[in-house]
Amino acid sequence: PAINDQRFQRAPIPLPPLSEQQRIVAKLEEILPQIDKLQAVEEELAKLQDEFPQKLKNSLLQAAIQGKLTEQLPEDGDARELLAEIETEKQRLIKEGKIKKQKLLPAITQDEIPFEI
């Protein structure tokens, strides 16, 4: 049978004794702050889980650009030496007519820099 408002309002609702009600209230007051703390921790964890992949990617790119992911061998030289070798080879190829001299690129703006070097 369906329960309508009148039947519901007339139905007896058993309540525990006052001392038991007070014990329940005391227990709830004791654990509610812990529940609030747990909820805050869960929200922070969810935020970290959302941000972690992108932050990890950025960190890896930063470390790769800075040369921190591999050991630098002395025989490899440094970046300045490599850049000088590339420039020398480029000039040689231009003189031989194998490549054309490129136009200079415009300066990079702050907005175009994806991460700090």
N, C-alpha and C. Protein backbone atom coordinates (compact mmCIF):
# COMPACT_ATOMS: atom_id res chain seq x y z
N PRO A 1 0.83 -1.19 0.00
CA PRO A 1 0.00 0.00 0.00
C PRO A 1 0.87 1.26 0.00
N ALA A 2 0.36 2.28 -0.65
CA ALA A 2 1.07 3.54 -0.73
C ALA A 2 0.99 4.29 0.59
N ILE A 3 2.01 5.08 0.83
CA ILE A 3 2.02 5.89 2.06
C ILE A 3 1.76 7.33 1.65
N ASN A 4 0.67 7.90 2.13
CA ASN A 4 0.39 9.30 1.86
C ASN A 4 0.81 10.14 3.07
N ASP A 5 0.63 11.44 2.96
CA ASP A 5 1.06 12.34 4.04
C ASP A 5 0.37 12.02 5.37
N GLN A 6 -0.92 11.74 5.32
CA GLN A 6 -1.65 11.49 6.57
C GLN A 6 -1.15 10.22 7.25
N ARG A 7 -0.97 9.16 6.47
CA ARG A 7 -0.49 7.91 7.07
C ARG A 7 0.93 8.08 7.60
N PHE A 8 1.74 8.83 6.85
CA PHE A 8 3.12 9.05 7.28
C PHE A 8 3.17 9.84 8.59
N GLN A 9 2.36 10.88 8.68
CA GLN A 9 2.35 11.71 9.88
C GLN A 9 1.80 10.96 11.10
N ARG A 10 0.93 10.00 10.88
CA ARG A 10 0.37 9.24 12.00
C ARG A 10 1.26 8.08 12.43
N ALA A 11 2.20 7.70 11.59
CA ALA A 11 3.04 6.54 11.91
C ALA A 11 3.98 6.89 13.07
N PRO A 12 4.13 5.98 13.99
CA PRO A 12 5.05 6.24 15.11
C PRO A 12 6.50 6.16 14.62
N ILE A 13 7.31 7.08 15.10
CA ILE A 13 8.74 7.09 14.78
C ILE A 13 9.49 6.82 16.07
N PRO A 14 10.12 5.66 16.16
CA PRO A 14 10.82 5.34 17.40
C PRO A 14 12.08 6.19 17.55
N LEU A 15 12.28 6.74 18.70
CA LEU A 15 13.47 7.54 19.02
C LEU A 15 14.24 6.84 20.13
N PRO A 16 15.55 6.92 20.06
CA PRO A 16 16.33 6.33 21.15
C PRO A 16 16.18 7.19 22.41
N PRO A 17 16.53 6.66 23.54
CA PRO A 17 16.46 7.45 24.78
C PRO A 17 17.34 8.69 24.67
N LEU A 18 17.04 9.70 25.47
CA LEU A 18 17.76 10.97 25.43
C LEU A 18 19.26 10.77 25.63
N SER A 19 19.64 9.90 26.55
CA SER A 19 21.08 9.67 26.78
C SER A 19 21.75 9.11 25.53
N GLU A 20 21.05 8.25 24.80
CA GLU A 20 21.61 7.69 23.56
C GLU A 20 21.69 8.77 22.48
N GLN A 21 20.69 9.64 22.41
CA GLN A 21 20.71 10.74 21.46
C GLN A 21 21.90 11.66 21.74
N GLN A 22 22.14 11.94 23.01
CA GLN A 22 23.26 12.80 23.39
C GLN A 22 24.60 12.14 23.04
N ARG A 23 24.68 10.83 23.23
CA ARG A 23 25.90 10.11 22.88
C ARG A 23 26.14 10.18 21.37
N ILE A 24 25.07 10.04 20.58
CA ILE A 24 25.18 10.12 19.12
C ILE A 24 25.65 11.51 18.70
N VAL A 25 25.06 12.54 19.29
CA VAL A 25 25.45 13.92 18.97
C VAL A 25 26.91 14.16 19.33
N ALA A 26 27.33 13.69 20.50
CA ALA A 26 28.72 13.87 20.93
C ALA A 26 29.68 13.18 19.95
N LYS A 27 29.32 11.99 19.52
CA LYS A 27 30.18 11.25 18.58
C LYS A 27 30.25 11.97 17.24
N LEU A 28 29.10 12.47 16.76
CA LEU A 28 29.09 13.22 15.51
C LEU A 28 29.94 14.48 15.61
N GLU A 29 29.83 15.20 16.72
CA GLU A 29 30.63 16.41 16.91
C GLU A 29 32.12 16.08 16.96
N GLU A 30 32.43 14.89 17.42
CA GLU A 30 33.83 14.47 17.49
C GLU A 30 34.39 14.15 16.10
N ILE A 31 33.59 13.48 15.27
CA ILE A 31 34.13 13.03 13.98
C ILE A 31 33.90 14.00 12.82
N LEU A 32 32.97 14.94 12.93
CA LEU A 32 32.71 15.86 11.82
C LEU A 32 33.94 16.70 11.45
N PRO A 33 34.73 17.23 12.40
CA PRO A 33 35.94 17.95 12.00
C PRO A 33 36.93 17.05 11.24
N GLN A 34 37.01 15.79 11.64
CA GLN A 34 37.90 14.86 10.94
C GLN A 34 37.39 14.60 9.52
N ILE A 35 36.08 14.53 9.37
CA ILE A 35 35.49 14.34 8.04
C ILE A 35 35.78 15.56 7.17
N ASP A 36 35.67 16.76 7.75
CA ASP A 36 35.97 17.98 7.00
C ASP A 36 37.43 18.00 6.55
N LYS A 37 38.34 17.60 7.45
CA LYS A 37 39.76 17.55 7.09
C LYS A 37 40.00 16.55 5.97
N LEU A 38 39.37 15.40 6.06
CA LEU A 38 39.51 14.37 5.03
C LEU A 38 38.99 14.87 3.69
N GLN A 39 37.89 15.58 3.71
CA GLN A 39 37.34 16.12 2.47
C GLN A 39 38.31 17.12 1.85
N ALA A 40 38.92 17.98 2.68
CA ALA A 40 39.89 18.95 2.17
C ALA A 40 41.11 18.24 1.57
N VAL A 41 41.56 17.19 2.22
CA VAL A 41 42.70 16.42 1.71
C VAL A 41 42.34 15.76 0.38
N GLU A 42 41.14 15.21 0.28
CA GLU A 42 40.71 14.58 -0.96
C GLU A 42 40.62 15.60 -2.10
N GLU A 43 40.15 16.80 -1.80
CA GLU A 43 40.07 17.84 -2.83
C GLU A 43 41.47 18.24 -3.29
N GLU A 44 42.40 18.37 -2.35
CA GLU A 44 43.78 18.71 -2.69
C GLU A 44 44.41 17.61 -3.53
N LEU A 45 44.16 16.36 -3.17
CA LEU A 45 44.68 15.23 -3.93
C LEU A 45 44.12 15.23 -5.36
N ALA A 46 42.85 15.49 -5.50
CA ALA A 46 42.24 15.54 -6.83
C ALA A 46 42.87 16.66 -7.67
N LYS A 47 43.13 17.79 -7.04
CA LYS A 47 43.77 18.91 -7.74
C LYS A 47 45.17 18.52 -8.19
N LEU A 48 45.93 17.87 -7.30
CA LEU A 48 47.28 17.43 -7.65
C LEU A 48 47.26 16.41 -8.78
N GLN A 49 46.29 15.50 -8.74
CA GLN A 49 46.19 14.49 -9.80
C GLN A 49 45.88 15.14 -11.14
N ASP A 50 45.11 16.21 -11.14
CA ASP A 50 44.80 16.91 -12.38
C ASP A 50 46.02 17.65 -12.92
N GLU A 51 46.79 18.27 -12.03
CA GLU A 51 47.92 19.11 -12.44
C GLU A 51 49.20 18.31 -12.68
N PHE A 52 49.34 17.15 -12.05
CA PHE A 52 50.61 16.41 -12.08
C PHE A 52 51.12 16.08 -13.48
N PRO A 53 50.29 15.54 -14.38
CA PRO A 53 50.84 15.18 -15.70
C PRO A 53 51.45 16.37 -16.43
N GLN A 54 50.79 17.52 -16.42
CA GLN A 54 51.33 18.69 -17.12
C GLN A 54 52.59 19.21 -16.43
N LYS A 55 52.59 19.22 -15.10
CA LYS A 55 53.78 19.68 -14.38
C LYS A 55 54.96 18.75 -14.62
N LEU A 56 54.70 17.45 -14.67
CA LEU A 56 55.76 16.48 -14.95
C LEU A 56 56.32 16.70 -16.35
N LYS A 57 55.44 16.89 -17.32
CA LYS A 57 55.88 17.13 -18.69
C LYS A 57 56.74 18.39 -18.77
N ASN A 58 56.29 19.47 -18.13
CA ASN A 58 57.06 20.71 -18.13
C ASN A 58 58.41 20.53 -17.46
N SER A 59 58.44 19.79 -16.36
CA SER A 59 59.71 19.55 -15.65
C SER A 59 60.67 18.75 -16.51
N LEU A 60 60.15 17.72 -17.18
CA LEU A 60 61.01 16.92 -18.05
C LEU A 60 61.55 17.74 -19.22
N LEU A 61 60.70 18.55 -19.82
CA LEU A 61 61.17 19.41 -20.90
C LEU A 61 62.24 20.38 -20.41
N GLN A 62 62.00 20.96 -19.25
CA GLN A 62 62.96 21.90 -18.68
C GLN A 62 64.30 21.20 -18.43
N ALA A 63 64.25 20.02 -17.83
CA ALA A 63 65.48 19.27 -17.55
C ALA A 63 66.18 18.87 -18.85
N ALA A 64 65.40 18.49 -19.86
CA ALA A 64 66.00 18.10 -21.14
C ALA A 64 66.70 19.29 -21.80
N ILE A 65 66.06 20.43 -21.77
CA ILE A 65 66.65 21.62 -22.37
C ILE A 65 67.92 22.03 -21.64
N GLN A 66 67.93 21.85 -20.34
CA GLN A 66 69.10 22.22 -19.55
C GLN A 66 70.17 21.13 -19.57
N GLY A 67 69.91 20.01 -20.25
CA GLY A 67 70.90 18.95 -20.36
C GLY A 67 71.06 18.15 -19.08
N LYS A 68 70.04 18.10 -18.26
CA LYS A 68 70.14 17.41 -16.98
C LYS A 68 69.70 15.95 -17.05
N LEU A 69 69.24 15.50 -18.20
CA LEU A 69 68.74 14.13 -18.30
C LEU A 69 69.82 13.13 -18.71
N THR A 70 70.91 13.63 -19.25
CA THR A 70 72.00 12.75 -19.66
C THR A 70 73.31 13.29 -19.13
N GLU A 71 74.30 12.43 -19.10
CA GLU A 71 75.62 12.85 -18.66
C GLU A 71 76.32 13.57 -19.81
N GLN A 72 76.94 14.68 -19.53
CA GLN A 72 77.67 15.44 -20.54
C GLN A 72 79.08 14.88 -20.65
N LEU A 73 79.40 14.36 -21.82
CA LEU A 73 80.73 13.81 -22.05
C LEU A 73 81.66 14.93 -22.53
N PRO A 74 82.88 15.00 -22.01
CA PRO A 74 83.80 16.07 -22.41
C PRO A 74 84.06 16.09 -23.92
N GLU A 75 84.12 14.91 -24.55
CA GLU A 75 84.41 14.88 -25.98
C GLU A 75 83.25 15.41 -26.83
N ASP A 76 82.06 15.52 -26.24
CA ASP A 76 80.92 16.07 -26.97
C ASP A 76 81.02 17.58 -27.11
N GLY A 77 81.80 18.23 -26.27
CA GLY A 77 81.89 19.68 -26.29
C GLY A 77 80.67 20.30 -25.63
N ASP A 78 80.62 21.62 -25.67
CA ASP A 78 79.46 22.29 -25.08
C ASP A 78 78.59 22.89 -26.17
N ALA A 79 77.53 23.52 -25.77
CA ALA A 79 76.55 24.05 -26.73
C ALA A 79 77.15 25.16 -27.60
N ARG A 80 78.02 25.97 -27.04
CA ARG A 80 78.64 27.06 -27.82
C ARG A 80 79.49 26.49 -28.96
N GLU A 81 80.25 25.45 -28.64
CA GLU A 81 81.08 24.82 -29.66
C GLU A 81 80.21 24.21 -30.76
N LEU A 82 79.14 23.55 -30.38
CA LEU A 82 78.24 22.94 -31.35
C LEU A 82 77.61 24.01 -32.23
N LEU A 83 77.19 25.10 -31.64
CA LEU A 83 76.58 26.20 -32.40
C LEU A 83 77.60 26.78 -33.39
N ALA A 84 78.84 26.93 -32.96
CA ALA A 84 79.89 27.45 -33.84
C ALA A 84 80.13 26.49 -35.01
N GLU A 85 80.14 25.19 -34.74
CA GLU A 85 80.32 24.19 -35.81
C GLU A 85 79.18 24.25 -36.81
N ILE A 86 77.97 24.38 -36.30
CA ILE A 86 76.80 24.46 -37.18
C ILE A 86 76.89 25.70 -38.06
N GLU A 87 77.25 26.82 -37.48
CA GLU A 87 77.35 28.07 -38.23
C GLU A 87 78.43 27.97 -39.30
N THR A 88 79.57 27.38 -38.96
CA THR A 88 80.66 27.20 -39.93
C THR A 88 80.21 26.33 -41.10
N GLU A 89 79.56 25.22 -40.78
CA GLU A 89 79.08 24.31 -41.82
C GLU A 89 78.03 25.00 -42.69
N LYS A 90 77.17 25.78 -42.08
CA LYS A 90 76.13 26.50 -42.82
C LYS A 90 76.76 27.49 -43.79
N GLN A 91 77.76 28.23 -43.33
CA GLN A 91 78.44 29.21 -44.20
C GLN A 91 79.13 28.51 -45.38
N ARG A 92 79.72 27.35 -45.11
CA ARG A 92 80.38 26.58 -46.17
C ARG A 92 79.36 26.15 -47.23
N LEU A 93 78.19 25.66 -46.78
CA LEU A 93 77.16 25.21 -47.71
C LEU A 93 76.58 26.37 -48.51
N ILE A 94 76.49 27.55 -47.91
CA ILE A 94 76.01 28.73 -48.63
C ILE A 94 77.00 29.10 -49.73
N LYS A 95 78.31 29.10 -49.40
CA LYS A 95 79.36 29.44 -50.38
C LYS A 95 79.36 28.45 -51.55
N GLU A 96 79.11 27.18 -51.24
CA GLU A 96 79.09 26.16 -52.29
C GLU A 96 77.79 26.18 -53.09
N GLY A 97 76.82 26.97 -52.65
CA GLY A 97 75.55 27.09 -53.36
C GLY A 97 74.60 25.94 -53.09
N LYS A 98 74.88 25.15 -52.09
CA LYS A 98 74.01 24.01 -51.77
C LYS A 98 72.77 24.43 -50.99
N ILE A 99 72.88 25.52 -50.25
CA ILE A 99 71.71 26.07 -49.55
C ILE A 99 71.71 27.58 -49.75
N LYS A 100 70.53 28.18 -49.60
CA LYS A 100 70.41 29.64 -49.71
C LYS A 100 70.54 30.27 -48.35
N LYS A 101 71.01 31.50 -48.35
CA LYS A 101 71.10 32.24 -47.09
C LYS A 101 69.68 32.55 -46.63
N GLN A 102 69.40 32.26 -45.38
CA GLN A 102 68.06 32.46 -44.85
C GLN A 102 67.89 33.89 -44.34
N LYS A 103 66.64 34.35 -44.43
CA LYS A 103 66.32 35.65 -43.85
C LYS A 103 66.30 35.52 -42.34
N LEU A 104 66.65 36.58 -41.64
CA LEU A 104 66.63 36.56 -40.18
C LEU A 104 65.19 36.48 -39.68
N LEU A 105 64.99 35.71 -38.65
CA LEU A 105 63.66 35.59 -38.04
C LEU A 105 63.42 36.75 -37.08
N PRO A 106 62.15 37.14 -36.91
CA PRO A 106 61.87 38.21 -35.94
C PRO A 106 62.17 37.72 -34.52
N ALA A 107 62.43 38.67 -33.64
CA ALA A 107 62.73 38.34 -32.24
C ALA A 107 61.53 37.65 -31.60
N ILE A 108 61.81 36.75 -30.68
CA ILE A 108 60.76 36.02 -29.96
C ILE A 108 60.24 36.90 -28.83
N THR A 109 58.91 36.99 -28.73
CA THR A 109 58.31 37.79 -27.65
C THR A 109 58.14 36.93 -26.41
N GLN A 110 57.92 37.56 -25.28
CA GLN A 110 57.73 36.85 -24.01
C GLN A 110 56.55 35.90 -24.08
N ASP A 111 55.48 36.27 -24.81
CA ASP A 111 54.28 35.44 -24.92
C ASP A 111 54.55 34.14 -25.69
N GLU A 112 55.56 34.14 -26.53
CA GLU A 112 55.86 32.97 -27.36
C GLU A 112 56.76 31.95 -26.66
N ILE A 113 57.26 32.27 -25.48
CA ILE A 113 58.16 31.38 -24.76
C ILE A 113 57.32 30.41 -23.93
N PRO A 114 57.33 29.08 -24.27
CA PRO A 114 56.46 28.14 -23.57
C PRO A 114 56.95 27.77 -22.17
N PHE A 115 58.26 27.84 -21.94
CA PHE A 115 58.80 27.50 -20.62
C PHE A 115 60.15 28.17 -20.45
N GLU A 116 60.57 28.27 -19.22
CA GLU A 116 61.81 28.96 -18.87
C GLU A 116 63.01 28.09 -19.22
N ILE A 117 64.03 28.72 -19.79
CA ILE A 117 65.26 27.98 -20.12
C ILE A 117 66.33 28.32 -19.11
